[in-house]
C-alpha atoms as a PDB file:
ATOM      1  CA  MET A   1      -8.864 -14.187  -2.570  1.00  0.00           C
ATOM      2  CA  ARG A   2      -6.063 -11.138  -3.473  1.00  0.00           C
ATOM      3  CA  LYS A   3      -3.603 -14.070  -4.678  1.00  0.00           C
ATOM      4  CA  LEU A   4      -2.133 -14.520  -8.495  1.00  0.00           C
ATOM      5  CA  SER A   5      -2.143 -18.157  -9.651  1.00  0.00           C
ATOM      6  CA  ASP A   6       1.222 -19.964 -10.369  1.00  0.00           C
ATOM      7  CA  ASN A   7       0.755 -19.099 -13.785  1.00  0.00           C
ATOM      8  CA  PHE A   8       0.648 -14.532 -13.607  1.00  0.00           C
ATOM      9  CA  PHE A   9       2.830 -15.156 -10.404  1.00  0.00           C
ATOM     10  CA  ASN A  10       5.924 -16.915 -12.891  1.00  0.00           C
ATOM     11  CA  CYS A  11       4.848 -14.806 -15.710  1.00  0.00           C
ATOM     12  CA  LEU A  12       5.481 -11.738 -13.601  1.00  0.00           C
ATOM     13  CA  LYS A  13       8.923 -13.289 -12.367  1.00  0.00           C
ATOM     14  CA  SER A  14      10.396 -14.890 -14.715  1.00  0.00           C
ATOM     15  CA  GLY A  15       8.652 -15.084 -17.960  1.00  0.00           C
ATOM     16  CA  PHE A  16       7.172 -11.852 -20.681  1.00  0.00           C
ATOM     17  CA  LEU A  17       5.511 -10.217 -18.130  1.00  0.00           C
ATOM     18  CA  SER A  18       8.361  -9.771 -16.017  1.00  0.00           C
ATOM     19  CA  ASP A  19       9.351  -6.548 -17.762  1.00  0.00           C
ATOM     20  CA  ILE A  20       6.415  -5.115 -15.924  1.00  0.00           C
ATOM     21  CA  THR A  21       7.747  -5.975 -12.886  1.00  0.00           C
ATOM     22  CA  GLU A  22      11.244  -4.370 -13.829  1.00  0.00           C
ATOM     23  CA  SER A  23       9.350  -1.374 -15.059  1.00  0.00           C
ATOM     24  CA  VAL A  24       8.041  -0.753 -11.233  1.00  0.00           C
ATOM     25  CA  LYS A  25      11.191  -1.985  -9.348  1.00  0.00           C
ATOM     26  CA  GLN A  26      13.173   0.508 -11.493  1.00  0.00           C
ATOM     27  CA  ASP A  27      11.150   3.300 -10.757  1.00  0.00           C
ATOM     28  CA  PRO A  28       9.504   3.626  -6.839  1.00  0.00           C
ATOM     29  CA  ASP A  29       6.597   6.506  -8.494  1.00  0.00           C
ATOM     30  CA  LEU A  30       5.321   3.235  -9.499  1.00  0.00           C
ATOM     31  CA  ASN A  31       3.402   0.926  -7.119  1.00  0.00           C
ATOM     32  CA  LEU A  32       2.378  -3.076  -8.012  1.00  0.00           C
ATOM     33  CA  GLU A  33      -0.601  -4.470  -6.025  1.00  0.00           C
ATOM     34  CA  ILE A  34      -1.822  -7.496  -6.469  1.00  0.00           C
ATOM     35  CA  ARG A  35      -5.573  -8.405  -6.794  1.00  0.00           C
ATOM     36  CA  GLU A  36      -7.499 -10.930  -7.147  1.00  0.00           C
ATOM     37  CA  ALA A  37      -6.970 -12.996 -10.229  1.00  0.00           C
ATOM     38  CA  SER A  38      -5.098  -9.464 -11.518  1.00  0.00           C
ATOM     39  CA  ILE A  39      -2.608  -6.517 -10.659  1.00  0.00           C
ATOM     40  CA  ASN A  40      -2.936  -2.901 -10.634  1.00  0.00           C
ATOM     41  CA  VAL A  41      -0.375  -0.828 -11.622  1.00  0.00           C
ATOM     42  CA  TYR A  42      -0.414   2.727  -9.981  1.00  0.00           C
ATOM     43  CA  TYR A  43       1.227   6.426 -10.378  1.00  0.00           C
ATOM     44  CA  LYS A  44      -0.155   9.149  -8.895  1.00  0.00           C
ATOM     45  CA  GLY A  45      -2.792   7.301  -7.093  1.00  0.00           C
ATOM     46  CA  ASN A  46      -3.797   6.475 -10.223  1.00  0.00           C
ATOM     47  CA  SER A  47      -4.490   2.896 -12.016  1.00  0.00           C
ATOM     48  CA  LEU A  48      -2.162   3.152 -15.222  1.00  0.00           C
ATOM     49  CA  LEU A  49      -2.978  -0.413 -15.766  1.00  0.00           C
ATOM     50  CA  LYS A  50      -4.668  -3.254 -14.674  1.00  0.00           C
ATOM     51  CA  LEU A  51      -4.167  -6.934 -16.252  1.00  0.00           C
ATOM     52  CA  THR A  52      -6.664  -9.522 -15.790  1.00  0.00           C
ATOM     53  CA  GLU A  53      -5.068 -13.406 -16.230  1.00  0.00           C
ATOM     54  CA  THR A  54      -7.569 -14.752 -19.854  1.00  0.00           C
ATOM     55  CA  SER A  55      -4.979 -17.471 -20.319  1.00  0.00           C
ATOM     56  CA  SER A  56      -2.219 -19.126 -19.747  1.00  0.00           C
ATOM     57  CA  SER A  57      -0.657 -17.318 -22.033  1.00  0.00           C
ATOM     58  CA  HIS A  58      -2.526 -14.662 -22.575  1.00  0.00           C
ATOM     59  CA  TYR A  59      -3.404 -10.875 -19.989  1.00  0.00           C
ATOM     60  CA  LYS A  60      -6.272  -8.525 -20.972  1.00  0.00           C
ATOM     61  CA  ALA A  61      -5.170  -4.801 -20.226  1.00  0.00           C
ATOM     62  CA  GLU A  62      -7.721  -2.215 -18.649  1.00  0.00           C
ATOM     63  CA  ILE A  63      -6.308   1.078 -19.213  1.00  0.00           C
ATOM     64  CA  HIS A  64      -7.734   4.188 -19.118  1.00  0.00           C
ATOM     65  CA  GLU A  65      -9.071   6.292 -22.365  1.00  0.00           C
ATOM     66  CA  LYS A  66      -8.119   9.494 -20.842  1.00  0.00           C
ATOM     67  CA  PHE A  67      -4.256   8.335 -19.897  1.00  0.00           C
ATOM     68  CA  LEU A  68      -4.147   6.344 -23.656  1.00  0.00           C
ATOM     69  CA  GLY A  69      -4.927   9.281 -25.870  1.00  0.00           C
ATOM     70  CA  ASP A  70      -3.557   9.081 -28.603  1.00  0.00           C
ATOM     71  CA  ILE A  71      -1.041   6.250 -27.627  1.00  0.00           C
ATOM     72  CA  ILE A  72      -1.628   3.279 -29.788  1.00  0.00           C
ATOM     73  CA  LEU A  73      -1.209   0.103 -27.917  1.00  0.00           C
ATOM     74  CA  PRO A  74      -2.255  -2.848 -28.110  1.00  0.00           C
ATOM     75  CA  LEU A  75      -4.770  -4.508 -24.477  1.00  0.00           C
ATOM     76  CA  ASP A  76      -4.064  -8.195 -25.334  1.00  0.00           C
ATOM     77  CA  PHE A  77      -0.551  -8.617 -23.183  1.00  0.00           C
ATOM     78  CA  ASN A  78       1.770 -11.542 -24.880  1.00  0.00           C
ATOM     79  CA  GLU A  79       5.853 -12.112 -25.809  1.00  0.00           C
ATOM     80  CA  ALA A  80       4.593 -10.116 -29.188  1.00  0.00           C
ATOM     81  CA  THR A  81       2.877  -6.964 -27.733  1.00  0.00           C
ATOM     82  CA  ILE A  82       4.559  -6.258 -23.990  1.00  0.00           C
ATOM     83  CA  ASP A  83       7.176  -4.739 -25.504  1.00  0.00           C
ATOM     84  CA  GLN A  84       4.802  -1.959 -26.944  1.00  0.00           C
ATOM     85  CA  PHE A  85       3.306  -1.242 -22.789  1.00  0.00           C
ATOM     86  CA  THR A  86       6.506  -0.974 -21.078  1.00  0.00           C
ATOM     87  CA  LYS A  87       8.034   1.434 -23.871  1.00  0.00           C
ATOM     88  CA  ASN A  88       4.773   3.931 -22.967  1.00  0.00           C
ATOM     89  CA  ILE A  89       4.989   3.938 -19.569  1.00  0.00           C
ATOM     90  CA  PRO A  90       6.539   7.394 -19.614  1.00  0.00           C
ATOM     91  CA  PHE A  91       3.646   9.001 -22.173  1.00  0.00           C
ATOM     92  CA  LEU A  92       1.357   7.421 -19.992  1.00  0.00           C
ATOM     93  CA  LYS A  93       2.337   8.756 -16.524  1.00  0.00           C
ATOM     94  CA  GLN A  94       2.496  11.964 -18.545  1.00  0.00           C
ATOM     95  CA  ASN A  95      -1.256  11.515 -19.124  1.00  0.00           C
ATOM     96  CA  ILE A  96      -1.720  10.635 -15.563  1.00  0.00           C
ATOM     97  CA  VAL A  97      -0.734  14.541 -14.764  1.00  0.00           C
ATOM     98  CA  LYS A  98      -2.658  16.456 -17.464  1.00  0.00           C
ATOM     99  CA  TYR A  99      -6.163  14.296 -16.389  1.00  0.00           C
ATOM    100  CA  GLY A 100      -5.673  11.876 -14.081  1.00  0.00           C
ATOM    101  CA  LYS A 101      -7.409  12.439 -10.760  1.00  0.00           C
ATOM    102  CA  ARG A 102      -4.855  14.967  -8.542  1.00  0.00           C
ATOM    103  CA  SER A 103      -5.571  13.792  -4.902  1.00  0.00           C
ATOM    104  CA  LEU A 104      -2.416  14.219  -2.149  1.00  0.00           C
ATOM    105  CA  GLU A 105      -4.143  11.762   0.074  1.00  0.00           C
ATOM    106  CA  THR A 106      -3.636   8.863  -2.829  1.00  0.00           C
ATOM    107  CA  GLU A 107      -0.535  10.539  -3.521  1.00  0.00           C
ATOM    108  CA  TYR A 108       0.999  10.421  -0.091  1.00  0.00           C
ATOM    109  CA  GLU A 109      -0.364   6.646  -0.308  1.00  0.00           C
ATOM    110  CA  GLN A 110       2.435   5.340  -2.434  1.00  0.00           C
ATOM    111  CA  MET A 111       4.919   7.644  -0.509  1.00  0.00           C
ATOM    112  CA  ILE A 112       4.001   5.885   2.522  1.00  0.00           C
ATOM    113  CA  ILE A 113       4.790   2.517   0.423  1.00  0.00           C
ATOM    114  CA  ARG A 114       7.710   3.750  -1.131  1.00  0.00           C
ATOM    115  CA  ALA A 115       9.548   4.921   1.899  1.00  0.00           C
ATOM    116  CA  ASN A 116       9.060   1.841   3.939  1.00  0.00           C
ATOM    117  CA  ASN A 117       8.996  -1.036   0.991  1.00  0.00           C
ATOM    118  CA  PHE A 118      12.044   0.488  -1.428  1.00  0.00           C
ATOM    119  CA  GLU A 119      14.556   3.002   0.743  1.00  0.00           C
ATOM    120  CA  SER A 120      16.402   0.234   2.456  1.00  0.00           C
ATOM    121  CA  ARG A 121      18.727   2.946   4.092  1.00  0.00           C
ATOM    122  CA  ASN A 122      15.116   3.709   6.272  1.00  0.00           C
ATOM    123  CA  ASN A 123      15.530   0.041   7.514  1.00  0.00           C
ATOM    124  CA  THR A 124      12.009   0.974   8.765  1.00  0.00           C
ATOM    125  CA  GLU A 125       9.665  -1.094  11.358  1.00  0.00           C
ATOM    126  CA  TYR A 126       6.536  -0.934   9.188  1.00  0.00           C
ATOM    127  CA  LEU A 127       6.217  -3.077   5.683  1.00  0.00           C
ATOM    128  CA  ILE A 128       2.885  -2.407   3.679  1.00  0.00           C
ATOM    129  CA  VAL A 129       1.966  -5.668   2.244  1.00  0.00           C
ATOM    130  CA  ASP A 130      -1.416  -4.088   0.112  1.00  0.00           C
ATOM    131  CA  ARG A 131      -3.341  -0.706  -0.961  1.00  0.00           C
ATOM    132  CA  GLN A 132      -6.521   0.121  -0.535  1.00  0.00           C
ATOM    133  CA  SER A 133      -7.954  -2.939   0.477  1.00  0.00           C
ATOM    134  CA  ALA A 134     -12.121  -3.197  -0.274  1.00  0.00           C
ATOM    135  CA  ASN A 135     -14.194  -4.239   1.716  1.00  0.00           C
ATOM    136  CA  LYS A 136     -18.546  -4.256   2.158  1.00  0.00           C
ATOM    137  CA  ASP A 137     -18.072  -1.202   5.646  1.00  0.00           C
ATOM    138  CA  GLY A 138     -14.860   0.785   3.187  1.00  0.00           C
ATOM    139  CA  ARG A 139     -11.894   0.355   2.465  1.00  0.00           C
ATOM    140  CA  PHE A 140      -8.830   0.361   4.019  1.00  0.00           C
ATOM    141  CA  ASP A 141      -5.800   3.016   2.714  1.00  0.00           C
ATOM    142  CA  LEU A 142      -3.089   1.135   3.806  1.00  0.00           C
ATOM    143  CA  THR A 143      -2.316  -2.594   5.134  1.00  0.00           C
ATOM    144  CA  SER A 144       0.330  -3.015   6.828  1.00  0.00           C
ATOM    145  CA  ILE A 145       2.754  -5.516   9.309  1.00  0.00           C
ATOM    146  CA  PHE A 146       4.958  -4.227  12.521  1.00  0.00           C
ATOM    147  CA  TRP A 147       8.327  -6.562  12.072  1.00  0.00           C
ATOM    148  CA  ASP A 148       9.599  -4.689  15.762  1.00  0.00           C
ATOM    149  CA  ARG A 149      13.351  -4.209  15.782  1.00  0.00           C
ATOM    150  CA  ASN A 150      14.239  -4.927  18.892  1.00  0.00           C
ATOM    151  CA  ARG A 151      12.393  -8.508  18.533  1.00  0.00           C
ATOM    152  CA  ARG A 152      13.507  -9.600  15.425  1.00  0.00           C
ATOM    153  CA  ARG A 153      14.051 -13.203  13.874  1.00  0.00           C
ATOM    154  CA  THR A 154      12.872 -15.501  11.655  1.00  0.00           C
ATOM    155  CA  LYS A 155       9.729 -17.957  12.283  1.00  0.00           C
ATOM    156  CA  GLN A 156       7.787 -14.995  13.838  1.00  0.00           C
ATOM    157  CA  GLU A 157       4.266 -14.131  14.912  1.00  0.00           C
ATOM    158  CA  VAL A 158       3.601 -10.300  14.023  1.00  0.00           C
ATOM    159  CA  PRO A 159       0.780  -7.960  14.135  1.00  0.00           C
ATOM    160  CA  ILE A 160      -1.328  -6.581  11.260  1.00  0.00           C
ATOM    161  CA  CYS A 161      -1.516  -2.695  10.624  1.00  0.00           C
ATOM    162  CA  LEU A 162      -4.537  -0.679   9.388  1.00  0.00           C
ATOM    163  CA  MET A 163      -3.373   2.554   7.964  1.00  0.00           C
ATOM    164  CA  GLU A 164      -6.002   5.218   7.295  1.00  0.00           C
ATOM    165  CA  VAL A 165      -4.829   8.036   4.931  1.00  0.00           C
ATOM    166  CA  LYS A 166      -6.061  11.307   5.887  1.00  0.00           C
ATOM    167  CA  PHE A 167      -4.595  15.205   4.339  1.00  0.00           C
ATOM    168  CA  GLY A 168      -4.330  18.143   5.429  1.00  0.00           C
ATOM    169  CA  LEU A 169      -8.011  19.357   7.091  1.00  0.00           C
ATOM    170  CA  ASN A 170      -9.975  16.291   5.023  1.00  0.00           C
ATOM    171  CA  THR A 171     -13.776  16.820   7.089  1.00  0.00           C
ATOM    172  CA  ASP A 172     -13.461  13.030   7.559  1.00  0.00           C
ATOM    173  CA  ILE A 173     -10.973  13.403   9.866  1.00  0.00           C
ATOM    174  CA  LYS A 174     -14.048  14.589  12.762  1.00  0.00           C
ATOM    175  CA  ASP A 175     -15.425  10.941  12.346  1.00  0.00           C
ATOM    176  CA  VAL A 176     -12.461   8.953  11.626  1.00  0.00           C
ATOM    177  CA  HIS A 177     -13.786   7.025  15.653  1.00  0.00           C
ATOM    178  CA  ASN A 178     -16.667   6.281  13.349  1.00  0.00           C
ATOM    179  CA  GLN A 179     -15.091   5.111  10.320  1.00  0.00           C
ATOM    180  CA  LEU A 180     -12.607   2.828  12.550  1.00  0.00           C
ATOM    181  CA  ALA A 181     -15.094   1.333  14.776  1.00  0.00           C
ATOM    182  CA  ARG A 182     -17.064  -0.023  11.190  1.00  0.00           C
ATOM    183  CA  TYR A 183     -13.520  -1.545  10.227  1.00  0.00           C
ATOM    184  CA  TYR A 184     -13.051  -3.391  13.845  1.00  0.00           C
ATOM    185  CA  GLU A 185     -16.546  -4.349  12.899  1.00  0.00           C
ATOM    186  CA  TYR A 186     -15.873  -6.184   9.623  1.00  0.00           C
ATOM    187  CA  ILE A 187     -12.243  -7.359  10.803  1.00  0.00           C
ATOM    188  CA  LYS A 188     -13.569  -9.061  14.219  1.00  0.00           C
ATOM    189  CA  SER A 189     -15.818 -11.662  11.866  1.00  0.00           C
ATOM    190  CA  HIS A 190     -12.806 -12.204   8.945  1.00  0.00           C
ATOM    191  CA  THR A 191      -9.294 -11.966  11.124  1.00  0.00           C
ATOM    192  CA  VAL A 192      -8.371 -15.260   9.517  1.00  0.00           C
ATOM    193  CA  GLU A 193      -9.434 -14.646   5.851  1.00  0.00           C
ATOM    194  CA  ILE A 194      -7.450 -10.969   6.169  1.00  0.00           C
ATOM    195  CA  ALA A 195      -4.556 -12.973   7.394  1.00  0.00           C
ATOM    196  CA  ASP A 196      -4.509 -15.509   5.453  1.00  0.00           C
ATOM    197  CA  GLU A 197      -4.843 -13.209   2.468  1.00  0.00           C
ATOM    198  CA  MET A 198      -2.355 -10.541   3.589  1.00  0.00           C
ATOM    199  CA  GLN A 199      -0.275 -13.482   4.580  1.00  0.00           C
ATOM    200  CA  CYS A 200      -0.111 -14.711   0.342  1.00  0.00           C
ATOM    201  CA  VAL A 201       0.250 -11.334  -0.783  1.00  0.00           C
ATOM    202  CA  PHE A 202       3.301 -10.689   0.590  1.00  0.00           C
ATOM    203  CA  ARG A 203       5.363 -13.945   0.054  1.00  0.00           C
ATOM    204  CA  GLN A 204       4.131 -13.541  -3.442  1.00  0.00           C
ATOM    205  CA  LYS A 205       5.591  -9.827  -3.277  1.00  0.00           C
ATOM    206  CA  ILE A 206       8.918 -10.747  -1.664  1.00  0.00           C
ATOM    207  CA  GLU A 207       9.380 -13.154  -4.309  1.00  0.00           C
ATOM    208  CA  LEU A 208       8.664 -10.906  -7.593  1.00  0.00           C
ATOM    209  CA  GLY A 209      11.355  -8.069  -5.799  1.00  0.00           C
ATOM    210  CA  LEU A 210       9.235  -5.933  -4.804  1.00  0.00           C
ATOM    211  CA  TYR A 211      10.866  -5.391  -0.892  1.00  0.00           C
ATOM    212  CA  LYS A 212      13.803  -3.603  -0.528  1.00  0.00           C
ATOM    213  CA  GLN A 213      15.903  -4.568   1.673  1.00  0.00           C
ATOM    214  CA  SER A 214      18.942  -6.726   3.113  1.00  0.00           C
ATOM    215  CA  LEU A 215      19.141 -10.351   1.470  1.00  0.00           C
ATOM    216  CA  GLU A 216      19.322 -11.641   5.240  1.00  0.00           C
ATOM    217  CA  GLN A 217      16.402  -9.458   6.063  1.00  0.00           C
ATOM    218  CA  LEU A 218      14.524 -10.962   2.914  1.00  0.00           C
ATOM    219  CA  GLU A 219      15.314 -14.259   3.864  1.00  0.00           C
ATOM    220  CA  ALA A 220      13.595 -13.855   7.049  1.00  0.00           C
ATOM    221  CA  LEU A 221      10.705 -11.805   5.907  1.00  0.00           C
ATOM    222  CA  LYS A 222       9.792 -15.129   4.321  1.00  0.00           C
ATOM    223  CA  THR A 223       9.428 -17.120   7.201  1.00  0.00           C
ATOM    224  CA  LEU A 224       7.300 -14.527   9.372  1.00  0.00           C
ATOM    225  CA  SER A 225       3.418 -15.632   9.567  1.00  0.00           C
ATOM    226  CA  PHE A 226       0.665 -12.988  10.091  1.00  0.00           C
ATOM    227  CA  SER A 227      -1.288 -13.340  13.504  1.00  0.00           C
ATOM    228  CA  LYS A 228      -5.353 -13.943  13.390  1.00  0.00           C
ATOM    229  CA  ASP A 229      -5.568 -12.560  17.120  1.00  0.00           C
ATOM    230  CA  ILE A 230      -7.690  -9.310  16.558  1.00  0.00           C
ATOM    231  CA  ASP A 231      -5.859  -8.169  19.963  1.00  0.00           C
ATOM    232  CA  GLN A 232      -2.747  -7.606  18.473  1.00  0.00           C
ATOM    233  CA  PHE A 233      -3.709  -5.855  15.154  1.00  0.00           C
ATOM    234  CA  GLN A 234      -2.835  -2.197  14.864  1.00  0.00           C
ATOM    235  CA  PHE A 235      -5.201   0.761  13.598  1.00  0.00           C
ATOM    236  CA  ILE A 236      -2.778   3.255  12.692  1.00  0.00           C
ATOM    237  CA  LEU A 237      -4.140   6.995  11.758  1.00  0.00           C
ATOM    238  CA  ILE A 238      -1.908   8.653   9.591  1.00  0.00           C
ATOM    239  CA  LEU A 239      -2.158  12.617   9.220  1.00  0.00           C
ATOM    240  CA  VAL A 240      -0.746  14.239   6.627  1.00  0.00           C
ATOM    241  CA  ASP A 241      -0.255  18.212   6.992  1.00  0.00           C
ATOM    242  CA  TYR A 242      -2.365  18.703   9.599  1.00  0.00           C
ATOM    243  CA  ASN A 243      -3.685  21.748  10.811  1.00  0.00           C
ATOM    244  CA  PRO A 244      -1.935  21.146  14.947  1.00  0.00           C
ATOM    245  CA  ASN A 245      -4.461  23.998  15.999  1.00  0.00           C
ATOM    246  CA  SER A 246      -6.811  22.569  14.139  1.00  0.00           C
ATOM    247  CA  ALA A 247     -10.278  20.570  16.550  1.00  0.00           C
ATOM    248  CA  LEU A 248     -10.976  18.477  13.502  1.00  0.00           C
ATOM    249  CA  LEU A 249      -9.466  15.567  15.481  1.00  0.00           C
ATOM    250  CA  ASP A 250     -11.785  14.444  18.335  1.00  0.00           C
ATOM    251  CA  LEU A 251      -9.329  12.362  20.481  1.00  0.00           C
ATOM    252  CA  GLN A 252     -11.936  12.143  23.245  1.00  0.00           C
ATOM    253  CA  SER A 253     -13.964   9.996  20.944  1.00  0.00           C
ATOM    254  CA  LEU A 254     -10.850   7.520  19.450  1.00  0.00           C
ATOM    255  CA  SER A 255     -10.517   7.170  23.358  1.00  0.00           C
ATOM    256  CA  ASN A 256     -14.063   5.765  24.070  1.00  0.00           C
ATOM    257  CA  LEU A 257     -13.544   3.034  21.504  1.00  0.00           C
ATOM    258  CA  SER A 258     -13.365  -0.422  23.247  1.00  0.00           C
ATOM    259  CA  PHE A 259     -10.196  -0.994  21.463  1.00  0.00           C
ATOM    260  CA  ALA A 260      -8.619   2.631  22.352  1.00  0.00           C
ATOM    261  CA  SER A 261      -4.743   0.392  23.483  1.00  0.00           C
ATOM    262  CA  GLN A 262      -4.470  -0.347  19.695  1.00  0.00           C
ATOM    263  CA  ILE A 263      -5.091   2.920  17.968  1.00  0.00           C
ATOM    264  CA  LYS A 264      -1.467   4.875  16.719  1.00  0.00           C
ATOM    265  CA  ILE A 265      -1.735   8.280  15.563  1.00  0.00           C
ATOM    266  CA  LEU A 266       0.903   9.189  13.104  1.00  0.00           C
ATOM    267  CA  PHE A 267       1.486  13.318  12.511  1.00  0.00           C
ATOM    268  CA  GLY A 268       3.529  13.682   8.997  1.00  0.00           C
ATOM    269  CA  GLY A 269       3.728  16.209   5.942  1.00  0.00           C
ATOM    270  CA  PHE A 270       6.007  19.340   5.334  1.00  0.00           C
ATOM    271  CA  ALA A 271       3.331  21.801   6.337  1.00  0.00           C
ATOM    272  CA  MET A 272       4.356  24.279   8.489  1.00  0.00           C
ATOM    273  CA  TRP A 273       3.638  25.430  12.194  1.00  0.00           C
ATOM    274  CA  GLN A 274       4.430  26.759  15.200  1.00  0.00           C
ATOM    275  CA  LYS A 275       3.558  24.214  16.779  1.00  0.00           C
ATOM    276  CA  ASN A 276       5.126  21.176  14.854  1.00  0.00           C
ATOM    277  CA  VAL A 277       8.350  23.452  14.391  1.00  0.00           C
ATOM    278  CA  LYS A 278       9.878  22.473  17.912  1.00  0.00           C
ATOM    279  CA  PRO A 279      12.861  24.005  19.693  1.00  0.00           C
ATOM    280  CA  LEU A 280      16.271  21.834  19.823  1.00  0.00           C
ATOM    281  CA  SER A 281      16.127  22.113  23.641  1.00  0.00           C
ATOM    282  CA  GLU A 282      12.600  20.167  23.330  1.00  0.00           C
ATOM    283  CA  TYR A 283      15.073  17.143  21.904  1.00  0.00           C
ATOM    284  CA  LEU A 284      17.682  16.457  24.491  1.00  0.00           C
ATOM    285  CA  PRO A 285      18.082  14.251  27.181  1.00  0.00           C
END
């Protein structure tokens, strides 16, 4: 189960590992994800750091050798060594730019996290809970909750949303209906497990300060519970810079799925075509 021990959590919140948490909070291009007894810090979709608890006061770091380069860094993190890591974060980022896997899909995943979790002025209705949640049938790009702005209250049950991100004319788009169908079949028999795990991750992230919301909203978020009813789940396909003139997206196959009413599609990005640059008149009442 994705969860941090009390020792690990407390160390990230107020102990010597809080330097890592603060670095992530101060740099919106970094993304911290909670794993099973470990954390990952991502930059541009690449893992800048994997940190695993080895004892109550020691933690083992894993950093790709390409990203370390000439950096001399002890990988046993404790009170005496943590400062060496945080000081080298800018240099690790530079090496990721040079040698890391360049995928705009994964970079957009992090941008979506930033826009919804770290930009308080957006006041969005979707809060990202987890990135790259894996199961035997695949990997969810993003897992979130939907918090309806028109019905917000404390002690509220909210639906889980599973998001699949596709960039450009990724050929996987033509088969995305089968991908979502596989996810649905897995979720159907693991709904309670997924809801409990994501709720635990969400609450730990709130306490670590990984959501920028008003104090009132943060207090309300702490009281939310995650629905265990699969009929309440949302399946969101995010198409970034998808050419609207393309026939790659098979809407009919999506509509034939038994849970089609739970599927939503978001078209986004910055690539421009006449079809997605609309005249003012189309926005007027």
